[in-house]
Every structure is written in C-alpha cells, then in structure tokens.
Amino acid sequence: MGVVRRDAAVIMFKALGEVLDGKEVLVEPVPNFKRKPAFCLDAFVDVPDPDALAAEFASRGVLFSVPLGDSDDGLRGFVIEDIDGHGLCFGHVRS
C-alpha cells in the first residue's frame, strides 16, 4: 500500500493478495468494502472539516458505514459505501 501526495491531491494505491491452496495470489482490487477492515477502503478523500461534511451528508440522508469518529492513527473521519460497493473514507489527520 502506498499514498502519494502533491499539494491538496492525495492518491492511495494498494495491491491485495489472498492465500488460495497454499499460494498467494493477487485479487481484484475493487470493490473492496466487504474485505478485511485494513483493506476495505477503495478511496480516501482528505477533507479539511470532516465534522461539517458528516453533518451535511447526514442532513441529506446519507447512511454511514462507519460513523464519524477518531481512529488510533490520528485520523478523524467517516466511511460510506457507494452504490457500487466501494468504501469511501472522508477524513483529516488531527494535528
């Protein structure tokens, strides 16, 4: 897994493998939302105010797969699942 940042743009890359019949094989990368929690996100969007965005989404009836909260690695954010099954995380690293 790798993350590339330039100015305000952030892109997350990942390659996943599973063990089948004793051999590790690559698996299709998308959508990943039903996979292990560490690999379930298909996109991360760095937003300056995740609280405000979560409030806006909630006011429009968006369902949250993971509600707004703080993670152990310093991220404040939330996750939604899009209509195609992709896990989309919106958040910001707390300073």
N, C-alpha and C. Protein backbone atom coordinates (compact mmCIF):
# COMPACT_ATOMS: atom_id res chain seq x y z
N MET A 1 0.85 -1.17 0.00
CA MET A 1 0.00 0.00 0.00
C MET A 1 0.89 1.23 0.00
N GLY A 2 0.49 2.24 -0.71
CA GLY A 2 1.24 3.48 -0.73
C GLY A 2 0.31 4.66 -0.90
N VAL A 3 0.74 5.80 -0.41
CA VAL A 3 -0.02 7.04 -0.54
C VAL A 3 0.90 8.08 -1.14
N VAL A 4 0.41 8.75 -2.18
CA VAL A 4 1.16 9.80 -2.84
C VAL A 4 0.41 11.11 -2.64
N ARG A 5 1.13 12.15 -2.24
CA ARG A 5 0.50 13.45 -2.01
C ARG A 5 1.25 14.51 -2.80
N ARG A 6 0.49 15.39 -3.41
CA ARG A 6 1.06 16.58 -4.04
C ARG A 6 0.07 17.72 -3.84
N ASP A 7 0.50 18.75 -3.14
CA ASP A 7 -0.37 19.85 -2.75
C ASP A 7 -1.60 19.27 -2.03
N ALA A 8 -2.80 19.55 -2.53
CA ALA A 8 -4.01 19.06 -1.87
C ALA A 8 -4.49 17.71 -2.39
N ALA A 9 -3.83 17.18 -3.41
CA ALA A 9 -4.26 15.90 -4.00
C ALA A 9 -3.57 14.74 -3.30
N VAL A 10 -4.35 13.72 -2.96
CA VAL A 10 -3.83 12.52 -2.31
C VAL A 10 -4.39 11.31 -3.06
N ILE A 11 -3.50 10.39 -3.45
CA ILE A 11 -3.92 9.16 -4.11
C ILE A 11 -3.41 7.98 -3.31
N MET A 12 -4.29 7.00 -3.08
CA MET A 12 -3.92 5.80 -2.35
C MET A 12 -3.85 4.63 -3.34
N PHE A 13 -2.75 3.89 -3.31
CA PHE A 13 -2.56 2.72 -4.15
C PHE A 13 -2.46 1.50 -3.26
N LYS A 14 -2.95 0.35 -3.76
CA LYS A 14 -2.80 -0.87 -2.98
C LYS A 14 -2.88 -2.08 -3.90
N ALA A 15 -2.23 -3.12 -3.46
CA ALA A 15 -2.32 -4.42 -4.12
C ALA A 15 -2.66 -5.43 -3.04
N LEU A 16 -3.63 -6.26 -3.30
CA LEU A 16 -4.10 -7.21 -2.31
C LEU A 16 -3.78 -8.63 -2.72
N GLY A 17 -3.49 -9.45 -1.76
CA GLY A 17 -3.27 -10.86 -2.03
C GLY A 17 -4.04 -11.71 -1.05
N GLU A 18 -4.41 -12.89 -1.48
CA GLU A 18 -5.06 -13.88 -0.63
C GLU A 18 -4.35 -15.21 -0.83
N VAL A 19 -4.41 -16.05 0.18
CA VAL A 19 -3.79 -17.37 0.06
C VAL A 19 -4.87 -18.36 -0.36
N LEU A 20 -4.66 -18.96 -1.52
CA LEU A 20 -5.56 -19.98 -2.04
C LEU A 20 -4.75 -21.23 -2.33
N ASP A 21 -5.16 -22.35 -1.74
CA ASP A 21 -4.45 -23.62 -1.95
C ASP A 21 -2.96 -23.49 -1.63
N GLY A 22 -2.64 -22.72 -0.58
CA GLY A 22 -1.26 -22.58 -0.16
C GLY A 22 -0.42 -21.60 -0.96
N LYS A 23 -1.01 -20.94 -1.96
CA LYS A 23 -0.27 -19.97 -2.77
C LYS A 23 -0.91 -18.60 -2.65
N GLU A 24 -0.06 -17.57 -2.56
CA GLU A 24 -0.60 -16.22 -2.52
C GLU A 24 -0.88 -15.76 -3.94
N VAL A 25 -2.09 -15.26 -4.14
CA VAL A 25 -2.49 -14.76 -5.45
C VAL A 25 -3.08 -13.36 -5.29
N LEU A 26 -2.89 -12.53 -6.31
CA LEU A 26 -3.50 -11.21 -6.28
C LEU A 26 -5.00 -11.34 -6.49
N VAL A 27 -5.74 -10.44 -5.88
CA VAL A 27 -7.19 -10.44 -6.02
C VAL A 27 -7.61 -9.16 -6.71
N GLU A 28 -8.79 -9.17 -7.28
CA GLU A 28 -9.31 -7.97 -7.94
C GLU A 28 -9.39 -6.83 -6.92
N PRO A 29 -8.95 -5.63 -7.28
CA PRO A 29 -8.84 -4.55 -6.30
C PRO A 29 -10.14 -3.84 -5.96
N VAL A 30 -11.18 -3.90 -6.79
CA VAL A 30 -12.38 -3.14 -6.49
C VAL A 30 -13.62 -3.95 -6.80
N PRO A 31 -14.73 -3.73 -6.10
CA PRO A 31 -14.79 -3.01 -4.83
C PRO A 31 -14.29 -3.88 -3.69
N ASN A 32 -13.76 -3.23 -2.70
CA ASN A 32 -13.12 -3.93 -1.59
C ASN A 32 -13.86 -3.82 -0.27
N PHE A 33 -14.99 -3.17 -0.24
CA PHE A 33 -15.60 -2.83 1.04
C PHE A 33 -15.96 -4.03 1.90
N LYS A 34 -16.18 -5.18 1.32
CA LYS A 34 -16.53 -6.37 2.10
C LYS A 34 -15.30 -7.16 2.56
N ARG A 35 -14.10 -6.70 2.23
CA ARG A 35 -12.87 -7.40 2.62
C ARG A 35 -12.49 -7.07 4.06
N LYS A 36 -11.32 -7.57 4.47
CA LYS A 36 -10.80 -7.30 5.81
C LYS A 36 -10.79 -5.79 6.06
N PRO A 37 -11.06 -5.37 7.30
CA PRO A 37 -11.11 -3.93 7.58
C PRO A 37 -9.87 -3.15 7.14
N ALA A 38 -8.69 -3.73 7.25
CA ALA A 38 -7.48 -2.98 6.90
C ALA A 38 -7.39 -2.72 5.40
N PHE A 39 -8.12 -3.46 4.59
CA PHE A 39 -8.02 -3.32 3.14
C PHE A 39 -9.33 -2.94 2.48
N CYS A 40 -10.32 -2.55 3.26
CA CYS A 40 -11.65 -2.38 2.69
C CYS A 40 -11.87 -1.06 1.96
N LEU A 41 -11.05 -0.07 2.18
CA LEU A 41 -11.31 1.23 1.56
C LEU A 41 -10.82 1.26 0.12
N ASP A 42 -11.65 1.83 -0.74
CA ASP A 42 -11.29 2.00 -2.14
C ASP A 42 -10.82 3.41 -2.44
N ALA A 43 -11.19 4.36 -1.59
CA ALA A 43 -10.75 5.74 -1.80
C ALA A 43 -10.70 6.46 -0.45
N PHE A 44 -9.76 7.38 -0.35
CA PHE A 44 -9.66 8.26 0.81
C PHE A 44 -9.67 9.68 0.30
N VAL A 45 -10.55 10.50 0.87
CA VAL A 45 -10.63 11.92 0.50
C VAL A 45 -10.27 12.73 1.73
N ASP A 46 -9.17 13.48 1.63
CA ASP A 46 -8.73 14.34 2.73
C ASP A 46 -9.58 15.61 2.69
N VAL A 47 -10.37 15.81 3.73
CA VAL A 47 -11.25 16.98 3.80
C VAL A 47 -10.85 17.82 5.01
N PRO A 48 -10.91 19.14 4.89
CA PRO A 48 -10.45 19.99 5.98
C PRO A 48 -11.32 19.92 7.23
N ASP A 49 -12.62 19.65 7.08
CA ASP A 49 -13.53 19.63 8.23
C ASP A 49 -14.48 18.44 8.12
N PRO A 50 -14.03 17.26 8.56
CA PRO A 50 -14.88 16.08 8.46
C PRO A 50 -16.18 16.21 9.24
N ASP A 51 -16.18 16.96 10.34
CA ASP A 51 -17.40 17.13 11.12
C ASP A 51 -18.48 17.85 10.31
N ALA A 52 -18.09 18.93 9.64
CA ALA A 52 -19.04 19.69 8.83
C ALA A 52 -19.55 18.85 7.66
N LEU A 53 -18.66 18.10 7.02
CA LEU A 53 -19.08 17.28 5.88
C LEU A 53 -20.01 16.16 6.35
N ALA A 54 -19.70 15.54 7.49
CA ALA A 54 -20.58 14.49 8.02
C ALA A 54 -21.96 15.05 8.34
N ALA A 55 -22.01 16.26 8.90
CA ALA A 55 -23.30 16.89 9.21
C ALA A 55 -24.08 17.17 7.93
N GLU A 56 -23.39 17.63 6.89
CA GLU A 56 -24.05 17.88 5.61
C GLU A 56 -24.59 16.57 5.02
N PHE A 57 -23.75 15.53 5.03
CA PHE A 57 -24.19 14.23 4.50
C PHE A 57 -25.39 13.71 5.27
N ALA A 58 -25.34 13.81 6.61
CA ALA A 58 -26.45 13.32 7.44
C ALA A 58 -27.74 14.08 7.14
N SER A 59 -27.63 15.39 6.91
CA SER A 59 -28.81 16.19 6.61
C SER A 59 -29.45 15.81 5.27
N ARG A 60 -28.67 15.15 4.42
CA ARG A 60 -29.17 14.70 3.11
C ARG A 60 -29.55 13.22 3.12
N GLY A 61 -29.51 12.60 4.30
CA GLY A 61 -29.95 11.22 4.41
C GLY A 61 -28.92 10.17 4.04
N VAL A 62 -27.64 10.55 3.96
CA VAL A 62 -26.59 9.59 3.63
C VAL A 62 -26.42 8.63 4.80
N LEU A 63 -26.31 7.33 4.49
CA LEU A 63 -26.07 6.32 5.52
C LEU A 63 -24.57 6.13 5.70
N PHE A 64 -24.12 6.08 6.93
CA PHE A 64 -22.70 5.93 7.24
C PHE A 64 -22.40 4.46 7.54
N SER A 65 -21.39 3.91 6.88
CA SER A 65 -20.94 2.55 7.18
C SER A 65 -20.09 2.55 8.44
N VAL A 66 -19.30 3.59 8.61
CA VAL A 66 -18.52 3.83 9.83
C VAL A 66 -18.81 5.28 10.22
N PRO A 67 -19.43 5.51 11.38
CA PRO A 67 -19.78 6.87 11.76
C PRO A 67 -18.55 7.74 12.03
N LEU A 68 -18.77 9.03 12.05
CA LEU A 68 -17.72 9.99 12.34
C LEU A 68 -17.06 9.65 13.67
N GLY A 69 -15.73 9.62 13.65
CA GLY A 69 -15.01 9.31 14.87
C GLY A 69 -13.52 9.47 14.67
N ASP A 70 -12.78 9.17 15.73
CA ASP A 70 -11.32 9.29 15.74
C ASP A 70 -10.70 7.90 15.74
N SER A 71 -9.70 7.69 14.87
CA SER A 71 -9.00 6.41 14.83
C SER A 71 -7.74 6.47 15.69
N ASP A 72 -7.16 5.31 15.93
CA ASP A 72 -5.94 5.23 16.74
C ASP A 72 -4.74 5.89 16.06
N ASP A 73 -4.79 6.02 14.72
CA ASP A 73 -3.65 6.60 14.00
C ASP A 73 -3.81 8.09 13.75
N GLY A 74 -4.73 8.75 14.47
CA GLY A 74 -4.84 10.21 14.39
C GLY A 74 -5.80 10.73 13.34
N LEU A 75 -6.56 9.87 12.72
CA LEU A 75 -7.48 10.30 11.67
C LEU A 75 -8.87 10.54 12.26
N ARG A 76 -9.48 11.65 11.91
CA ARG A 76 -10.89 11.90 12.25
C ARG A 76 -11.65 11.82 10.94
N GLY A 77 -12.64 10.96 10.89
CA GLY A 77 -13.39 10.83 9.66
C GLY A 77 -14.51 9.82 9.74
N PHE A 78 -15.05 9.48 8.58
CA PHE A 78 -16.17 8.55 8.48
C PHE A 78 -16.08 7.83 7.15
N VAL A 79 -16.85 6.75 7.02
CA VAL A 79 -16.84 5.94 5.80
C VAL A 79 -18.27 5.74 5.32
N ILE A 80 -18.44 5.84 4.01
CA ILE A 80 -19.71 5.48 3.38
C ILE A 80 -19.44 4.43 2.31
N GLU A 81 -20.46 3.69 1.96
CA GLU A 81 -20.36 2.73 0.87
C GLU A 81 -21.16 3.28 -0.29
N ASP A 82 -20.54 3.41 -1.47
CA ASP A 82 -21.27 3.94 -2.62
C ASP A 82 -22.16 2.86 -3.22
N ILE A 83 -22.94 3.23 -4.23
CA ILE A 83 -23.93 2.31 -4.79
C ILE A 83 -23.30 1.11 -5.49
N ASP A 84 -22.01 1.18 -5.81
CA ASP A 84 -21.32 0.07 -6.44
C ASP A 84 -20.56 -0.79 -5.44
N GLY A 85 -20.65 -0.47 -4.15
CA GLY A 85 -20.00 -1.27 -3.13
C GLY A 85 -18.60 -0.82 -2.76
N HIS A 86 -18.18 0.36 -3.21
CA HIS A 86 -16.86 0.88 -2.88
C HIS A 86 -16.90 1.59 -1.51
N GLY A 87 -15.86 1.36 -0.70
CA GLY A 87 -15.74 2.03 0.59
C GLY A 87 -15.01 3.35 0.42
N LEU A 88 -15.70 4.45 0.74
CA LEU A 88 -15.14 5.79 0.59
C LEU A 88 -14.95 6.42 1.96
N CYS A 89 -13.73 6.77 2.28
CA CYS A 89 -13.41 7.38 3.57
C CYS A 89 -13.17 8.87 3.37
N PHE A 90 -13.81 9.67 4.19
CA PHE A 90 -13.62 11.12 4.21
C PHE A 90 -13.05 11.47 5.56
N GLY A 91 -11.90 12.13 5.60
CA GLY A 91 -11.32 12.44 6.90
C GLY A 91 -10.15 13.38 6.81
N HIS A 92 -9.58 13.61 7.98
CA HIS A 92 -8.43 14.52 8.09
C HIS A 92 -7.60 14.09 9.29
N VAL A 93 -6.29 14.13 9.13
CA VAL A 93 -5.39 13.78 10.23
C VAL A 93 -5.38 14.94 11.22
N ARG A 94 -5.67 14.61 12.47
CA ARG A 94 -5.68 15.64 13.53
C ARG A 94 -4.25 16.11 13.78
N SER A 95 -4.15 17.42 14.01
CA SER A 95 -2.81 17.95 14.30
C SER A 95 -2.55 18.08 15.77
